[in-house]
């Protein structure tokens, strides 16, 4: 039988996807809590990623602060209890670290007054070797040993 172009590529795509997820993929344990009502229970989920976002603004001078800010944000979504859009606090902790950590420095923000995207031209200090221990969930911290400490 003959194959059409592109057929049979699923195996190589699966291998590539597995390779990328194994070496560059991480997971976050994410908690969503409605800020406008206590009646709605918080929801937990797992989010997969291949890069962490480091948001750069006026306050961020170091990569660590940008990464920490990227894991805590407020989002707006429809609340089933309130029946309207509500503000939710989204908190994430890294529950799986990849072998190679990719960090995306987000240097653009939207200026509402001028209706334009602006680039932040600010130096951000980052180490050549990075310890992501502080971004991890308690479960992952238990599995890791802090650099410079001996495991018991």
Protein backbone atom coordinates (compact mmCIF):
# COMPACT_ATOMS: atom_id res chain seq x y z
CA UNK A 1 0.00 0.00 0.00
CA UNK A 2 1.09 3.57 -0.67
CA UNK A 3 1.38 6.32 1.92
CA UNK A 4 0.33 9.89 1.38
CA UNK A 5 2.87 12.59 2.27
CA UNK A 6 2.71 13.14 6.00
CA UNK A 7 1.25 9.72 6.76
CA UNK A 8 3.29 7.60 9.09
CA UNK A 9 4.83 10.67 10.71
CA UNK A 10 2.83 10.19 13.89
CA UNK A 11 5.46 7.87 15.32
CA UNK A 12 8.26 10.39 14.81
CA UNK A 13 6.04 13.19 16.17
CA UNK A 14 5.24 11.08 19.24
CA UNK A 15 8.94 10.36 19.81
CA UNK A 16 9.76 14.06 19.40
CA UNK A 17 6.94 15.08 21.75
CA UNK A 18 8.03 12.51 24.34
CA UNK A 19 11.66 13.67 24.07
CA UNK A 20 10.71 17.34 24.50
CA UNK A 21 8.40 16.57 27.43
CA UNK A 22 11.04 14.38 29.10
CA UNK A 23 13.93 16.84 28.88
CA UNK A 24 12.22 20.26 28.65
CA UNK A 25 8.74 19.65 30.11
CA UNK A 26 7.66 20.54 33.60
CA UNK A 27 4.43 20.57 35.56
CA UNK A 28 2.78 23.03 37.90
CA UNK A 29 0.22 22.31 40.57
CA UNK A 30 -2.20 25.21 40.16
CA UNK A 31 -4.81 26.47 42.63
CA UNK A 32 -7.65 28.78 41.57
CA UNK A 33 -9.55 30.63 44.30
CA UNK A 34 -12.33 33.14 43.69
CA UNK A 35 -11.40 36.45 45.34
CA UNK A 36 -14.99 37.72 45.39
CA UNK A 37 -16.80 34.93 47.27
CA UNK A 38 -15.96 32.36 49.91
CA UNK A 39 -18.81 30.08 48.78
CA UNK A 40 -16.91 28.80 45.77
CA UNK A 41 -14.40 26.06 46.63
CA UNK A 42 -10.87 26.39 45.33
CA UNK A 43 -9.93 24.14 42.42
CA UNK A 44 -6.61 22.39 41.88
CA UNK A 45 -5.20 21.25 38.55
CA UNK A 46 -1.96 20.17 36.89
CA UNK A 47 -0.57 22.30 34.06
CA UNK A 48 2.18 21.07 31.73
CA UNK A 49 4.73 23.51 30.31
CA UNK A 50 7.97 23.63 28.36
CA UNK A 51 9.09 27.05 29.62
CA UNK A 52 8.63 29.23 32.67
CA UNK A 53 7.61 32.86 32.14
CA UNK A 54 9.63 35.65 33.71
CA UNK A 55 7.47 38.79 33.56
CA UNK A 56 9.54 41.97 33.45
CA UNK A 57 8.11 45.23 34.77
CA UNK A 58 9.31 48.27 36.73
CA UNK A 59 9.76 46.24 39.94
CA UNK A 60 11.68 43.28 38.49
CA UNK A 61 15.47 43.52 38.52
CA UNK A 62 16.29 39.85 39.09
CA UNK A 63 15.07 36.73 37.28
CA UNK A 64 13.97 35.08 40.55
CA UNK A 65 11.43 37.83 41.29
CA UNK A 66 10.04 37.70 37.73
CA UNK A 67 9.59 33.93 37.94
CA UNK A 68 7.91 34.17 41.35
CA UNK A 69 5.53 36.86 40.05
CA UNK A 70 4.72 34.67 37.03
CA UNK A 71 3.52 31.89 39.34
CA UNK A 72 1.08 34.19 41.17
CA UNK A 73 -1.45 36.13 39.15
CA UNK A 74 -5.02 37.33 39.10
CA UNK A 75 -7.23 36.22 36.23
CA UNK A 76 -10.82 36.94 35.31
CA UNK A 77 -13.20 34.10 34.47
CA UNK A 78 -16.85 33.20 34.80
CA UNK A 79 -17.91 32.16 38.28
CA UNK A 80 -20.67 29.52 38.35
CA UNK A 81 -21.70 30.63 41.87
CA UNK A 82 -21.92 34.36 41.07
CA UNK A 83 -23.15 33.88 37.48
CA UNK A 84 -20.79 36.56 36.13
CA UNK A 85 -17.09 37.23 35.54
CA UNK A 86 -15.08 37.35 38.74
CA UNK A 87 -11.43 37.79 39.74
CA UNK A 88 -9.59 34.62 40.70
CA UNK A 89 -6.23 34.29 42.43
CA UNK A 90 -4.16 31.75 40.50
CA UNK A 91 -1.23 30.30 42.43
CA UNK A 92 1.15 27.77 40.89
CA UNK A 93 4.01 25.73 42.30
CA UNK A 94 6.40 23.62 40.25
CA UNK A 95 5.63 19.95 40.84
CA UNK A 96 7.99 18.55 38.18
CA UNK A 97 11.25 20.14 37.05
CA UNK A 98 12.69 19.30 33.64
CA UNK A 99 16.30 18.31 32.99
CA UNK A 100 16.78 21.58 31.07
CA UNK A 101 14.85 24.62 32.29
CA UNK A 102 13.81 27.10 29.60
CA UNK A 103 12.89 30.60 30.75
CA UNK A 104 10.95 33.04 28.57
CA UNK A 105 11.72 36.66 29.46
CA UNK A 106 8.50 38.56 28.67
CA UNK A 107 9.64 42.07 27.83
CA UNK A 108 6.45 43.42 26.26
CA UNK A 109 3.42 44.99 27.90
CA UNK A 110 0.35 46.75 26.58
CA UNK A 111 0.00 50.50 27.17
CA UNK A 112 -3.73 51.11 27.32
CA UNK A 113 -3.50 54.91 27.11
CA UNK A 114 -1.62 54.85 23.78
CA UNK A 115 -3.03 51.48 22.55
CA UNK A 116 0.43 50.12 21.76
CA UNK A 117 2.70 47.27 22.82
CA UNK A 118 5.85 48.56 24.49
CA UNK A 119 9.14 46.74 25.00
CA UNK A 120 10.81 46.94 28.40
CA UNK A 121 14.47 47.82 27.81
CA UNK A 122 15.71 46.94 31.26
CA UNK A 123 18.66 44.79 32.32
CA UNK A 124 17.61 41.71 34.25
CA UNK A 125 20.23 39.97 36.34
CA UNK A 126 20.26 36.18 36.18
CA UNK A 127 22.70 33.52 37.37
CA UNK A 128 24.45 31.18 34.93
CA UNK A 129 23.47 28.32 37.24
CA UNK A 130 19.96 28.55 38.69
CA UNK A 131 18.43 26.85 41.74
CA UNK A 132 14.64 26.58 41.26
CA UNK A 133 14.07 25.08 44.74
CA UNK A 134 12.03 28.07 45.99
CA UNK A 135 9.50 27.69 43.14
CA UNK A 136 8.77 24.04 43.93
CA UNK A 137 5.80 22.44 45.67
CA UNK A 138 6.34 20.96 49.16
CA UNK A 139 6.08 17.43 47.66
CA UNK A 140 8.85 18.14 45.15
CA UNK A 141 10.98 19.88 47.81
CA UNK A 142 10.81 16.68 49.86
CA UNK A 143 12.27 14.74 46.91
CA UNK A 144 15.03 17.29 46.26
CA UNK A 145 18.07 18.01 48.35
CA UNK A 146 19.03 21.62 48.70
CA UNK A 147 22.48 22.33 47.18
CA UNK A 148 25.15 22.32 49.87
CA UNK A 149 23.18 20.07 52.21
CA UNK A 150 23.61 16.38 52.83
CA UNK A 151 20.67 14.04 52.45
CA UNK A 152 19.95 11.88 55.48
